[in-house]
C-alpha atoms as a PDB file:
ATOM      1  CA  MET A   1      -6.667 -22.849  -8.983  1.00  0.00           C
ATOM      2  CA  LYS A   2      -6.242 -19.257  -7.857  1.00  0.00           C
ATOM      3  CA  ARG A   3      -2.527 -18.584  -7.696  1.00  0.00           C
ATOM      4  CA  LEU A   4      -1.067 -17.597  -4.362  1.00  0.00           C
ATOM      5  CA  ASP A   5       2.099 -15.995  -5.730  1.00  0.00           C
ATOM      6  CA  GLU A   6       0.344 -13.569  -8.046  1.00  0.00           C
ATOM      7  CA  ASN A   7      -2.257 -12.365  -5.544  1.00  0.00           C
ATOM      8  CA  ASN A   8      -0.045 -11.766  -2.520  1.00  0.00           C
ATOM      9  CA  ARG A   9      -0.435  -8.117  -1.423  1.00  0.00           C
ATOM     10  CA  THR A  10       2.232  -8.143   1.302  1.00  0.00           C
ATOM     11  CA  GLU A  11       4.950  -5.563   0.709  1.00  0.00           C
ATOM     12  CA  LYS A  12       7.743  -7.826   1.977  1.00  0.00           C
ATOM     13  CA  TYR A  13       6.835 -10.493  -0.564  1.00  0.00           C
ATOM     14  CA  TRP A  14       7.310  -8.119  -3.485  1.00  0.00           C
ATOM     15  CA  THR A  15      10.513  -6.575  -2.154  1.00  0.00           C
ATOM     16  CA  ALA A  16      12.262  -9.390  -0.275  1.00  0.00           C
ATOM     17  CA  THR A  17      11.167 -12.197  -2.603  1.00  0.00           C
ATOM     18  CA  VAL A  18      10.273 -10.943  -6.080  1.00  0.00           C
ATOM     19  CA  LEU A  19      12.536  -7.895  -6.436  1.00  0.00           C
ATOM     20  CA  ALA A  20      15.483  -9.511  -4.656  1.00  0.00           C
ATOM     21  CA  SER A  21      15.166 -12.617  -6.844  1.00  0.00           C
ATOM     22  CA  MET A  22      15.045 -10.487  -9.983  1.00  0.00           C
ATOM     23  CA  ILE A  23      18.199  -8.637  -8.962  1.00  0.00           C
ATOM     24  CA  MET A  24      20.048 -11.921  -8.382  1.00  0.00           C
ATOM     25  CA  GLU A  25      18.805 -13.506 -11.613  1.00  0.00           C
ATOM     26  CA  SER A  26      21.436 -14.664 -14.108  1.00  0.00           C
ATOM     27  CA  GLN A  27      24.402 -14.151 -11.769  1.00  0.00           C
ATOM     28  CA  PHE A  28      23.306 -10.590 -10.949  1.00  0.00           C
ATOM     29  CA  GLY A  29      22.397  -9.793 -14.540  1.00  0.00           C
ATOM     30  CA  GLY A  30      19.148  -8.520 -13.043  1.00  0.00           C
ATOM     31  CA  LEU A  31      21.161  -6.133 -10.893  1.00  0.00           C
ATOM     32  CA  LYS A  32      22.394  -4.346 -13.995  1.00  0.00           C
ATOM     33  CA  THR A  33      18.811  -4.085 -15.244  1.00  0.00           C
ATOM     34  CA  PHE A  34      17.763  -2.628 -11.909  1.00  0.00           C
ATOM     35  CA  LEU A  35      20.623  -0.124 -11.874  1.00  0.00           C
ATOM     36  CA  SER A  36      19.731   1.090 -15.349  1.00  0.00           C
ATOM     37  CA  LEU A  37      16.359   2.215 -13.975  1.00  0.00           C
ATOM     38  CA  LEU A  38      18.025   4.459 -11.398  1.00  0.00           C
ATOM     39  CA  LYS A  39      19.796   6.703 -13.898  1.00  0.00           C
ATOM     40  CA  ASP A  40      18.847  10.362 -14.205  1.00  0.00           C
ATOM     41  CA  ASP A  41      18.244  12.460 -17.320  1.00  0.00           C
ATOM     42  CA  SER A  42      21.966  12.568 -18.010  1.00  0.00           C
ATOM     43  CA  GLY A  43      22.017   8.780 -18.302  1.00  0.00           C
ATOM     44  CA  LYS A  44      24.261   8.472 -15.258  1.00  0.00           C
ATOM     45  CA  LEU A  45      23.663   7.195 -11.754  1.00  0.00           C
ATOM     46  CA  PRO A  46      23.212   9.984  -9.182  1.00  0.00           C
ATOM     47  CA  PHE A  47      24.953   9.485  -5.826  1.00  0.00           C
ATOM     48  CA  LYS A  48      25.867  11.574  -2.799  1.00  0.00           C
ATOM     49  CA  ASP A  49      29.256  11.345  -1.178  1.00  0.00           C
ATOM     50  CA  ARG A  50      30.025  11.346   2.536  1.00  0.00           C
ATOM     51  CA  ASN A  51      29.702  15.136   2.611  1.00  0.00           C
ATOM     52  CA  ASN A  52      26.290  14.964   0.946  1.00  0.00           C
ATOM     53  CA  ARG A  53      27.647  16.392  -2.304  1.00  0.00           C
ATOM     54  CA  LYS A  54      25.952  15.216  -5.473  1.00  0.00           C
ATOM     55  CA  LEU A  55      27.885  13.414  -8.171  1.00  0.00           C
ATOM     56  CA  HIS A  56      27.121  11.230 -11.162  1.00  0.00           C
ATOM     57  CA  ILE A  57      28.685   7.868 -11.920  1.00  0.00           C
ATOM     58  CA  ASP A  58      28.808   6.507 -15.460  1.00  0.00           C
ATOM     59  CA  LEU A  59      26.637   3.401 -15.807  1.00  0.00           C
ATOM     60  CA  LYS A  60      29.453   1.771 -17.728  1.00  0.00           C
ATOM     61  CA  GLU A  61      31.302   1.136 -14.464  1.00  0.00           C
ATOM     62  CA  PHE A  62      28.461  -1.122 -13.351  1.00  0.00           C
ATOM     63  CA  MET A  63      27.511  -2.600 -16.708  1.00  0.00           C
ATOM     64  CA  GLU A  64      31.031  -3.873 -17.302  1.00  0.00           C
ATOM     65  CA  ALA A  65      31.446  -5.311 -13.803  1.00  0.00           C
ATOM     66  CA  ASP A  66      31.517  -9.033 -13.126  1.00  0.00           C
ATOM     67  CA  PHE A  67      29.218  -9.149 -10.096  1.00  0.00           C
ATOM     68  CA  ASN A  68      29.644 -12.007  -7.658  1.00  0.00           C
ATOM     69  CA  TYR A  69      29.851 -12.842  -3.961  1.00  0.00           C
ATOM     70  CA  GLU A  70      33.041 -10.797  -3.581  1.00  0.00           C
ATOM     71  CA  ASN A  71      31.678  -7.476  -4.818  1.00  0.00           C
ATOM     72  CA  VAL A  72      27.915  -7.610  -4.122  1.00  0.00           C
ATOM     73  CA  GLN A  73      26.059  -7.571  -0.823  1.00  0.00           C
ATOM     74  CA  LEU A  74      22.273  -7.778  -0.984  1.00  0.00           C
ATOM     75  CA  SER A  75      20.128  -7.476   2.136  1.00  0.00           C
ATOM     76  CA  THR A  76      16.390  -7.163   2.641  1.00  0.00           C
ATOM     77  CA  GLU A  77      14.820  -5.738   5.801  1.00  0.00           C
ATOM     78  CA  LEU A  78      18.240  -4.693   7.114  1.00  0.00           C
ATOM     79  CA  TRP A  79      17.906  -3.547  10.740  1.00  0.00           C
ATOM     80  CA  TYR A  80      21.407  -2.169  10.949  1.00  0.00           C
ATOM     81  CA  GLY A  81      21.125  -0.514  14.351  1.00  0.00           C
ATOM     82  CA  ARG A  82      20.009  -3.695  16.047  1.00  0.00           C
ATOM     83  CA  ASP A  83      22.444  -6.071  14.359  1.00  0.00           C
ATOM     84  CA  PHE A  84      25.626  -3.997  14.022  1.00  0.00           C
ATOM     85  CA  THR A  85      25.581  -1.097  16.491  1.00  0.00           C
ATOM     86  CA  GLU A  86      24.205  -0.125  19.856  1.00  0.00           C
ATOM     87  CA  ASN A  87      22.186   2.797  18.498  1.00  0.00           C
ATOM     88  CA  ASN A  88      19.164   0.556  17.984  1.00  0.00           C
ATOM     89  CA  GLU A  89      17.455   2.951  15.567  1.00  0.00           C
ATOM     90  CA  TYR A  90      14.484   1.489  13.757  1.00  0.00           C
ATOM     91  CA  ALA A  91      14.406   2.650  10.153  1.00  0.00           C
ATOM     92  CA  VAL A  92      14.548  -0.523   8.104  1.00  0.00           C
ATOM     93  CA  PRO A  93      14.948  -0.169   4.299  1.00  0.00           C
ATOM     94  CA  ASP A  94      13.247  -2.778   2.143  1.00  0.00           C
ATOM     95  CA  ILE A  95      16.355  -3.556   0.137  1.00  0.00           C
ATOM     96  CA  THR A  96      20.020  -2.627   0.590  1.00  0.00           C
ATOM     97  CA  LEU A  97      22.868  -3.174  -1.873  1.00  0.00           C
ATOM     98  CA  VAL A  98      26.590  -2.679  -1.348  1.00  0.00           C
ATOM     99  CA  LEU A  99      28.545  -2.753  -4.615  1.00  0.00           C
ATOM    100  CA  MET A 100      32.301  -2.925  -4.978  1.00  0.00           C
ATOM    101  CA  ASP A 101      32.657  -2.010  -1.280  1.00  0.00           C
ATOM    102  CA  LYS A 102      32.090   1.677  -2.043  1.00  0.00           C
ATOM    103  CA  TYR A 103      28.554   2.134  -3.407  1.00  0.00           C
ATOM    104  CA  LEU A 104      25.490   1.864  -1.144  1.00  0.00           C
ATOM    105  CA  ILE A 105      22.042   1.659  -2.739  1.00  0.00           C
ATOM    106  CA  VAL A 106      19.103   1.839  -0.350  1.00  0.00           C
ATOM    107  CA  GLY A 107      15.594   1.136  -1.605  1.00  0.00           C
ATOM    108  CA  GLU A 108      12.263   1.855   0.066  1.00  0.00           C
ATOM    109  CA  ALA A 109       9.267   0.264  -1.650  1.00  0.00           C
ATOM    110  CA  LYS A 110       5.481   0.369  -1.403  1.00  0.00           C
ATOM    111  CA  PHE A 111       2.986  -1.509  -3.507  1.00  0.00           C
ATOM    112  CA  PHE A 112      -0.625  -2.245  -2.651  1.00  0.00           C
ATOM    113  CA  GLN A 113      -1.462   0.964  -0.815  1.00  0.00           C
ATOM    114  CA  ARG A 114      -2.084   4.645  -1.335  1.00  0.00           C
ATOM    115  CA  ILE A 115       0.963   6.801  -0.619  1.00  0.00           C
ATOM    116  CA  GLN A 116       0.947  10.118   1.190  1.00  0.00           C
ATOM    117  CA  LYS A 117       3.944  12.210   0.245  1.00  0.00           C
ATOM    118  CA  ASN A 118       4.650  13.561   3.727  1.00  0.00           C
ATOM    119  CA  ALA A 119       4.483  10.074   5.256  1.00  0.00           C
ATOM    120  CA  ILE A 120       6.981   8.546   2.833  1.00  0.00           C
ATOM    121  CA  GLU A 121       9.288  11.564   3.137  1.00  0.00           C
ATOM    122  CA  HIS A 122       9.303  11.104   6.890  1.00  0.00           C
ATOM    123  CA  GLN A 123      10.201   7.429   6.453  1.00  0.00           C
ATOM    124  CA  ILE A 124      13.002   8.345   4.059  1.00  0.00           C
ATOM    125  CA  TYR A 125      14.267  10.891   6.602  1.00  0.00           C
ATOM    126  CA  LEU A 126      14.425   8.217   9.308  1.00  0.00           C
ATOM    127  CA  GLN A 127      16.342   5.908   6.983  1.00  0.00           C
ATOM    128  CA  LYS A 128      19.010   8.597   6.583  1.00  0.00           C
ATOM    129  CA  LYS A 129      19.974   7.912  10.201  1.00  0.00           C
ATOM    130  CA  THR A 130      20.520   4.263   9.346  1.00  0.00           C
ATOM    131  CA  ILE A 131      22.542   5.255   6.285  1.00  0.00           C
ATOM    132  CA  ASN A 132      24.732   7.544   8.369  1.00  0.00           C
ATOM    133  CA  ASP A 133      25.367   4.719  10.818  1.00  0.00           C
ATOM    134  CA  ILE A 134      26.439   2.464   7.956  1.00  0.00           C
ATOM    135  CA  LEU A 135      28.794   5.118   6.595  1.00  0.00           C
ATOM    136  CA  GLN A 136      30.359   5.653  10.009  1.00  0.00           C
ATOM    137  CA  ASN A 137      31.123   1.963  10.369  1.00  0.00           C
ATOM    138  CA  THR A 138      32.245   1.081   6.835  1.00  0.00           C
ATOM    139  CA  GLU A 139      34.435   2.436   4.066  1.00  0.00           C
ATOM    140  CA  ILE A 140      31.496   3.025   1.727  1.00  0.00           C
ATOM    141  CA  GLN A 141      31.876   6.321  -0.121  1.00  0.00           C
ATOM    142  CA  TYR A 142      28.713   6.897  -2.123  1.00  0.00           C
ATOM    143  CA  VAL A 143      24.962   6.546  -1.465  1.00  0.00           C
ATOM    144  CA  HIS A 144      21.913   6.335  -3.720  1.00  0.00           C
ATOM    145  CA  HIS A 145      18.440   6.332  -2.108  1.00  0.00           C
ATOM    146  CA  CYS A 146      15.583   5.136  -4.308  1.00  0.00           C
ATOM    147  CA  PHE A 147      11.812   4.864  -3.896  1.00  0.00           C
ATOM    148  CA  ILE A 148       9.723   2.189  -5.627  1.00  0.00           C
ATOM    149  CA  TYR A 149       5.927   2.355  -5.683  1.00  0.00           C
ATOM    150  CA  GLY A 150       2.817   1.478  -7.682  1.00  0.00           C
ATOM    151  CA  GLY A 151       2.673   4.734  -9.591  1.00  0.00           C
ATOM    152  CA  SER A 152      -0.905   5.950  -9.321  1.00  0.00           C
ATOM    153  CA  GLU A 153       0.059   9.096  -7.425  1.00  0.00           C
ATOM    154  CA  LYS A 154       2.442  10.074 -10.241  1.00  0.00           C
ATOM    155  CA  PHE A 155       5.161  11.488  -7.992  1.00  0.00           C
ATOM    156  CA  THR A 156       7.832  13.501  -9.767  1.00  0.00           C
ATOM    157  CA  GLN A 157       9.771  14.362  -6.616  1.00  0.00           C
ATOM    158  CA  ILE A 158      10.160  12.877  -3.151  1.00  0.00           C
ATOM    159  CA  GLU A 159      12.421  14.794  -0.791  1.00  0.00           C
ATOM    160  CA  GLY A 160      15.493  12.802   0.181  1.00  0.00           C
ATOM    161  CA  VAL A 161      15.505  10.273  -2.663  1.00  0.00           C
ATOM    162  CA  ASP A 162      17.719  10.175  -5.739  1.00  0.00           C
ATOM    163  CA  SER A 163      15.362   8.214  -7.967  1.00  0.00           C
ATOM    164  CA  ILE A 164      11.691   7.258  -8.183  1.00  0.00           C
ATOM    165  CA  ILE A 165      10.626   4.177 -10.130  1.00  0.00           C
ATOM    166  CA  THR A 166       7.432   2.156 -10.383  1.00  0.00           C
ATOM    167  CA  TRP A 167       6.743  -1.553 -10.392  1.00  0.00           C
ATOM    168  CA  SER A 168       5.579  -1.079 -13.982  1.00  0.00           C
ATOM    169  CA  ASP A 169       9.030   0.298 -14.832  1.00  0.00           C
ATOM    170  CA  LEU A 170      10.597  -2.797 -13.280  1.00  0.00           C
ATOM    171  CA  LEU A 171       8.221  -5.072 -15.159  1.00  0.00           C
ATOM    172  CA  SER A 172       8.978  -3.432 -18.492  1.00  0.00           C
ATOM    173  CA  GLU A 173      12.762  -3.631 -18.090  1.00  0.00           C
ATOM    174  CA  PHE A 174      12.849  -7.158 -16.700  1.00  0.00           C
ATOM    175  CA  GLU A 175      10.448  -8.406 -19.373  1.00  0.00           C
ATOM    176  CA  THR A 176      12.752  -6.959 -22.027  1.00  0.00           C
ATOM    177  CA  GLU A 177      15.759  -8.579 -20.372  1.00  0.00           C
ATOM    178  CA  PHE A 178      14.366 -12.012 -19.484  1.00  0.00           C
ATOM    179  CA  GLY A 179      11.287 -12.446 -21.666  1.00  0.00           C
ATOM    180  CA  SER A 180       7.554 -12.475 -20.934  1.00  0.00           C
ATOM    181  CA  SER A 181       7.508 -16.203 -20.069  1.00  0.00           C
ATOM    182  CA  HIS A 182      10.011 -15.864 -17.213  1.00  0.00           C
ATOM    183  CA  TYR A 183       8.453 -16.958 -13.902  1.00  0.00           C
ATOM    184  CA  LEU A 184       9.196 -13.755 -12.003  1.00  0.00           C
ATOM    185  CA  VAL A 185       8.133 -11.581 -14.925  1.00  0.00           C
ATOM    186  CA  ARG A 186       4.785 -13.352 -15.100  1.00  0.00           C
ATOM    187  CA  VAL A 187       4.286 -13.032 -11.339  1.00  0.00           C
ATOM    188  CA  LEU A 188       5.103  -9.317 -11.395  1.00  0.00           C
ATOM    189  CA  SER A 189       2.921  -8.806 -14.460  1.00  0.00           C
ATOM    190  CA  LYS A 190      -0.094 -10.125 -12.565  1.00  0.00           C
ATOM    191  CA  GLY A 191       0.818  -8.042  -9.519  1.00  0.00           C
ATOM    192  CA  VAL A 192       1.002  -4.856 -11.588  1.00  0.00           C
ATOM    193  CA  SER A 193      -2.306  -5.715 -13.242  1.00  0.00           C
ATOM    194  CA  ASN A 194      -3.961  -6.235  -9.850  1.00  0.00           C
ATOM    195  CA  TYR A 195      -2.539  -2.945  -8.598  1.00  0.00           C
ATOM    196  CA  LYS A 196      -3.817  -0.948 -11.572  1.00  0.00           C
ATOM    197  CA  GLU A 197      -7.268  -2.461 -11.160  1.00  0.00           C
ATOM    198  CA  GLU A 198      -7.477  -1.537  -7.480  1.00  0.00           C
ATOM    199  CA  PHE A 199      -5.543   1.745  -7.531  1.00  0.00           C
ATOM    200  CA  PRO A 200      -6.359   3.786 -10.639  1.00  0.00           C
ATOM    201  CA  PRO A 201      -4.670   7.187 -10.918  1.00  0.00           C
ATOM    202  CA  LYS A 202      -5.781   9.599  -8.221  1.00  0.00           C
ATOM    203  CA  GLY A 203      -8.851  11.578  -9.154  1.00  0.00           C
ATOM    204  CA  GLU A 204     -10.408   8.851 -11.295  1.00  0.00           C
ATOM    205  CA  ARG A 205     -12.210   7.232  -8.369  1.00  0.00           C
ATOM    206  CA  GLU A 206     -12.985   8.515  -4.887  1.00  0.00           C
ATOM    207  CA  SER A 207     -13.690   5.245  -3.066  1.00  0.00           C
ATOM    208  CA  TYR A 208     -10.141   4.270  -2.171  1.00  0.00           C
ATOM    209  CA  TYR A 209      -9.941   2.263   1.008  1.00  0.00           C
ATOM    210  CA  VAL A 210      -7.382   0.208   2.899  1.00  0.00           C
ATOM    211  CA  ASP A 211      -9.369  -2.434   4.830  1.00  0.00           C
ATOM    212  CA  GLN A 212     -12.407  -4.664   4.492  1.00  0.00           C
ATOM    213  CA  LEU A 213     -14.067  -5.760   7.728  1.00  0.00           C
ATOM    214  CA  ASP A 214     -17.147  -7.821   8.590  1.00  0.00           C
ATOM    215  CA  PHE A 215     -19.832  -6.286  10.796  1.00  0.00           C
ATOM    216  CA  PHE A 216     -18.539  -7.426  14.179  1.00  0.00           C
ATOM    217  CA  ASP A 217     -14.902  -6.523  13.464  1.00  0.00           C
ATOM    218  CA  LEU A 218     -16.155  -3.185  12.147  1.00  0.00           C
ATOM    219  CA  VAL A 219     -18.099  -2.464  15.354  1.00  0.00           C
ATOM    220  CA  ALA A 220     -15.024  -3.310  17.426  1.00  0.00           C
ATOM    221  CA  LYS A 221     -12.841  -1.048  15.288  1.00  0.00           C
ATOM    222  CA  ALA A 222     -15.323   1.829  15.275  1.00  0.00           C
ATOM    223  CA  THR A 223     -15.868   1.545  19.031  1.00  0.00           C
ATOM    224  CA  THR A 224     -12.180   1.912  19.789  1.00  0.00           C
ATOM    225  CA  GLU A 225     -11.296   4.465  17.099  1.00  0.00           C
ATOM    226  CA  GLN A 226     -14.691   6.060  16.334  1.00  0.00           C
ATOM    227  CA  GLU A 227     -14.220   9.240  14.267  1.00  0.00           C
ATOM    228  CA  LYS A 228     -10.718   8.134  13.240  1.00  0.00           C
ATOM    229  CA  ILE A 229     -12.181   5.708  10.686  1.00  0.00           C
ATOM    230  CA  PHE A 230     -14.550   6.041   7.745  1.00  0.00           C
ATOM    231  CA  ILE A 231     -16.968   3.377   6.515  1.00  0.00           C
ATOM    232  CA  GLY A 232     -18.229   3.076   2.937  1.00  0.00           C
ATOM    233  CA  LEU A 233     -22.027   2.809   3.069  1.00  0.00           C
ATOM    234  CA  GLY A 234     -23.524   5.382   0.730  1.00  0.00           C
ATOM    235  CA  LEU A 235     -26.281   3.498  -1.075  1.00  0.00           C
ATOM    236  CA  GLU A 236     -28.688   6.406  -1.376  1.00  0.00           C
ATOM    237  CA  GLY A 237     -26.162   9.179  -1.826  1.00  0.00           C
ATOM    238  CA  ASP A 238     -25.640   9.797   1.879  1.00  0.00           C
ATOM    239  CA  ALA A 239     -23.890   7.240   4.082  1.00  0.00           C
ATOM    240  CA  ALA A 240     -24.951   8.905   7.343  1.00  0.00           C
ATOM    241  CA  ARG A 241     -28.597   8.841   6.253  1.00  0.00           C
ATOM    242  CA  THR A 242     -28.274   5.240   5.052  1.00  0.00           C
ATOM    243  CA  ILE A 243     -27.114   3.975   8.448  1.00  0.00           C
ATOM    244  CA  GLU A 244     -29.804   6.029  10.234  1.00  0.00           C
ATOM    245  CA  ASN A 245     -32.467   4.598   7.917  1.00  0.00           C
ATOM    246  CA  LEU A 246     -31.242   1.035   8.422  1.00  0.00           C
ATOM    247  CA  CYS A 247     -31.330   1.453  12.185  1.00  0.00           C
ATOM    248  CA  GLU A 248     -34.891   2.831  12.055  1.00  0.00           C
ATOM    249  CA  VAL A 249     -35.965  -0.176  10.014  1.00  0.00           C
ATOM    250  CA  ILE A 250     -34.251  -2.597  12.399  1.00  0.00           C
ATOM    251  CA  VAL A 251     -36.267  -1.177  15.317  1.00  0.00           C
ATOM    252  CA  GLU A 252     -39.430  -1.692  13.306  1.00  0.00           C
ATOM    253  CA  GLU A 253     -38.391  -5.200  12.309  1.00  0.00           C
ATOM    254  CA  LEU A 254     -37.637  -6.231  15.870  1.00  0.00           C
ATOM    255  CA  GLN A 255     -41.046  -4.988  16.991  1.00  0.00           C
ATOM    256  CA  ILE A 256     -42.945  -7.138  14.487  1.00  0.00           C
ATOM    257  CA  LEU A 257     -40.457  -9.939  13.938  1.00  0.00           C
ATOM    258  CA  GLN A 258     -43.152 -12.567  14.572  1.00  0.00           C
ATOM    259  CA  LYS A 259     -45.100 -11.275  11.569  1.00  0.00           C
ATOM    260  CA  THR A 260     -44.419 -12.563   8.055  1.00  0.00           C
ATOM    261  CA  ASP A 261     -46.263  -9.899   6.059  1.00  0.00           C
ATOM    262  CA  GLN A 262     -43.344  -7.934   4.649  1.00  0.00           C
ATOM    263  CA  GLU A 263     -45.598  -5.067   3.576  1.00  0.00           C
ATOM    264  CA  ARG A 264     -45.951  -4.149   7.246  1.00  0.00           C
ATOM    265  CA  PHE A 265     -42.377  -2.866   7.105  1.00  0.00           C
ATOM    266  CA  THR A 266     -43.362   0.669   6.217  1.00  0.00           C
ATOM    267  CA  LYS A 267     -39.896   2.132   6.783  1.00  0.00           C
ATOM    268  CA  ARG A 268     -38.148  -0.285   4.425  1.00  0.00           C
ATOM    269  CA  PRO A 269     -35.747   1.672   2.128  1.00  0.00           C
ATOM    270  CA  ALA A 270     -36.226   1.265  -1.588  1.00  0.00           C
ATOM    271  CA  PHE A 271     -32.858  -0.385  -2.200  1.00  0.00           C
ATOM    272  CA  LEU A 272     -33.786  -3.383  -0.010  1.00  0.00           C
ATOM    273  CA  LYS A 273     -36.778  -4.054  -2.294  1.00  0.00           C
ATOM    274  CA  ASP A 274     -34.444  -4.497  -5.234  1.00  0.00           C
ATOM    275  CA  LYS A 275     -33.994  -8.040  -6.553  1.00  0.00           C
ATOM    276  CA  LYS A 276     -30.301  -7.790  -5.751  1.00  0.00           C
ATOM    277  CA  TYR A 277     -31.074  -7.810  -2.030  1.00  0.00           C
ATOM    278  CA  LYS A 278     -33.945 -10.341  -2.233  1.00  0.00           C
ATOM    279  CA  ARG A 279     -36.117  -8.253   0.102  1.00  0.00           C
ATOM    280  CA  GLN A 280     -33.756  -9.039   2.969  1.00  0.00           C
ATOM    281  CA  SER A 281     -34.310  -7.350   6.302  1.00  0.00           C
ATOM    282  CA  ALA A 282     -32.320  -4.303   7.360  1.00  0.00           C
ATOM    283  CA  LEU A 283     -30.882  -6.342  10.217  1.00  0.00           C
ATOM    284  CA  GLU A 284     -29.717  -8.994   7.761  1.00  0.00           C
ATOM    285  CA  TYR A 285     -28.300  -6.382   5.439  1.00  0.00           C
ATOM    286  CA  LEU A 286     -26.398  -4.674   8.216  1.00  0.00           C
ATOM    287  CA  LEU A 287     -24.883  -7.947   9.436  1.00  0.00           C
ATOM    288  CA  VAL A 288     -23.823  -9.294   6.034  1.00  0.00           C
ATOM    289  CA  HIS A 289     -23.657  -6.051   4.029  1.00  0.00           C
ATOM    290  CA  SER A 290     -24.903  -7.786   0.906  1.00  0.00           C
ATOM    291  CA  ASN A 291     -22.405 -10.617   1.478  1.00  0.00           C
ATOM    292  CA  GLN A 292     -19.491  -8.235   1.244  1.00  0.00           C
ATOM    293  CA  LYS A 293     -17.256  -6.806   3.905  1.00  0.00           C
ATOM    294  CA  TYR A 294     -17.451  -3.123   4.735  1.00  0.00           C
ATOM    295  CA  LYS A 295     -14.889  -0.887   3.103  1.00  0.00           C
ATOM    296  CA  VAL A 296     -12.903   0.948   5.777  1.00  0.00           C
ATOM    297  CA  ASP A 297     -10.453   3.833   5.562  1.00  0.00           C
ATOM    298  CA  TYR A 298      -8.484   5.683   8.226  1.00  0.00           C
ATOM    299  CA  VAL A 299      -7.699   9.299   9.000  1.00  0.00           C
ATOM    300  CA  ASP A 300      -4.249   8.336  10.303  1.00  0.00           C
ATOM    301  CA  ILE A 301      -1.771   9.271   7.544  1.00  0.00           C
ATOM    302  CA  GLU A 302       0.438   6.274   8.291  1.00  0.00           C
ATOM    303  CA  LYS A 303      -2.233   3.681   7.559  1.00  0.00           C
ATOM    304  CA  GLY A 304      -4.935   5.542   5.622  1.00  0.00           C
ATOM    305  CA  SER A 305      -5.393   5.713   1.858  1.00  0.00           C
ATOM    306  CA  GLY A 306      -4.591   9.400   1.671  1.00  0.00           C
ATOM    307  CA  ASN A 307      -8.107  10.380   0.596  1.00  0.00           C
ATOM    308  CA  ASP A 308     -10.096  12.746   2.831  1.00  0.00           C
ATOM    309  CA  LYS A 309     -13.504  11.079   3.329  1.00  0.00           C
ATOM    310  CA  SER A 310     -14.927  13.743   5.665  1.00  0.00           C
ATOM    311  CA  ARG A 311     -16.844  15.439   2.840  1.00  0.00           C
ATOM    312  CA  ASN A 312     -17.643  12.332   0.835  1.00  0.00           C
ATOM    313  CA  GLN A 313     -21.310  11.463   1.322  1.00  0.00           C
ATOM    314  CA  ASN A 314     -20.690   7.825   0.453  1.00  0.00           C
ATOM    315  CA  TRP A 315     -18.666   7.402   3.659  1.00  0.00           C
ATOM    316  CA  VAL A 316     -19.712   7.728   7.303  1.00  0.00           C
ATOM    317  CA  ASP A 317     -17.327   8.270  10.211  1.00  0.00           C
ATOM    318  CA  GLY A 318     -17.025   5.610  12.920  1.00  0.00           C
ATOM    319  CA  TYR A 319     -18.549   7.819  15.621  1.00  0.00           C
ATOM    320  CA  THR A 320     -21.779   8.390  13.655  1.00  0.00           C
ATOM    321  CA  PHE A 321     -21.943   4.691  12.812  1.00  0.00           C
ATOM    322  CA  ILE A 322     -21.716   3.609  16.464  1.00  0.00           C
ATOM    323  CA  GLN A 323     -24.106   6.275  17.741  1.00  0.00           C
ATOM    324  CA  SER A 324     -26.718   5.155  15.212  1.00  0.00           C
ATOM    325  CA  LEU A 325     -26.396   1.550  16.392  1.00  0.00           C
ATOM    326  CA  LYS A 326     -26.708   2.612  20.030  1.00  0.00           C
ATOM    327  CA  ARG A 327     -30.081   4.237  19.306  1.00  0.00           C
ATOM    328  CA  ILE A 328     -31.427   0.790  18.408  1.00  0.00           C
ATOM    329  CA  LEU A 329     -30.751  -0.380  21.947  1.00  0.00           C
ATOM    330  CA  LYS A 330     -32.431   2.649  23.472  1.00  0.00           C
ATOM    331  CA  LYS A 331     -35.753   2.114  21.662  1.00  0.00           C
END
C-alpha cells in the first residue's frame, strides 16, 4: 500500500504535525535537538532584544533546562492578531515557541515548492509585525526568527532571519538523536527523499513546475490567466510549434474522421507515429497528453516555481496555447 504519511506534500502537515511532534518527542528532548540546529558559527544561539540589538545566548542554558508545560509554549499557525489583539494583521508563522517566558522562537517553513528569495523575505517582513505585537503584549525579551526549507536553492542569507536550516538538517539531527527506526524519522526520511527527487539543485534541471492539470482544467486556467501561466509541451524542441502542429493535425483529422486509413493524415507529426503513442490522433493526444497531466508553472512570484519560462522552448505561454486552440474552431 502506498503510504499516505510519507507522500503528503502539504506544508502544514510537515510543520504542524511532523516538526511539532519531533520537538515534543521525549518530553521536549526533540526541542533541544531543534535548538542545536539554530546556533551560529560561534556555537551560540543568536537572538535580538526588544531594541533589535543582536546578542548570543549559550546553548547550555537550554540544554540543561527541564522543559515542561510550565516553561514551554508551542503553537502552530498562530494568528496572533486575530486571537489576541484587535490589529487583525495576517502574518501567520508556521511554528512559534515561547521558552522560559522570555525567549520567542518564530519559524517559517517551506517544503515541496521552489522558493524565490524576495517572496520569502517579504513574508518574513510581514511576520515582524506579528512579532512586535507579541512583544508589546508580553514580557518576552528575546526573539529568534528561523527559516526552514528544502535546500535546493542553497540560500546562505535571507534578510530578516537569524538562522536557515533544511529539512535534511532536521532529519540528520533527529535520526542521530532518536534512531533511524523512529516513526517520525522514517516519515521525514521519505519526505526528504521525495523532495530531492522532484527538486534537484537549481541549474541541474530547467523543467521545474508547480501544478499538473488535465486538458479541461488547463483550458480553464489558461483562459482566465492566459500569458500568466506556462505549459510544458516541448516535444520537438519548441512548445509553441508543437501546439500549432497539433492543432493543424486536429483540423485535418476532423475533416476526414470517417476515414480509417491513417496514412491520409499527411500532417501527422513524427512523434505520434512512435510506438509510445500507439499512432493516436492529435485530438486524443491533446486531450490525454499521453495519459499524463500537463505541467504548469506561473509567472506570479507568490505561486510560481521561480524559473523564468519565457525563453524556454519546451514551455508555451497560456495566451499562445488558447489562441492556437481557437484557430481550430475558425477552420
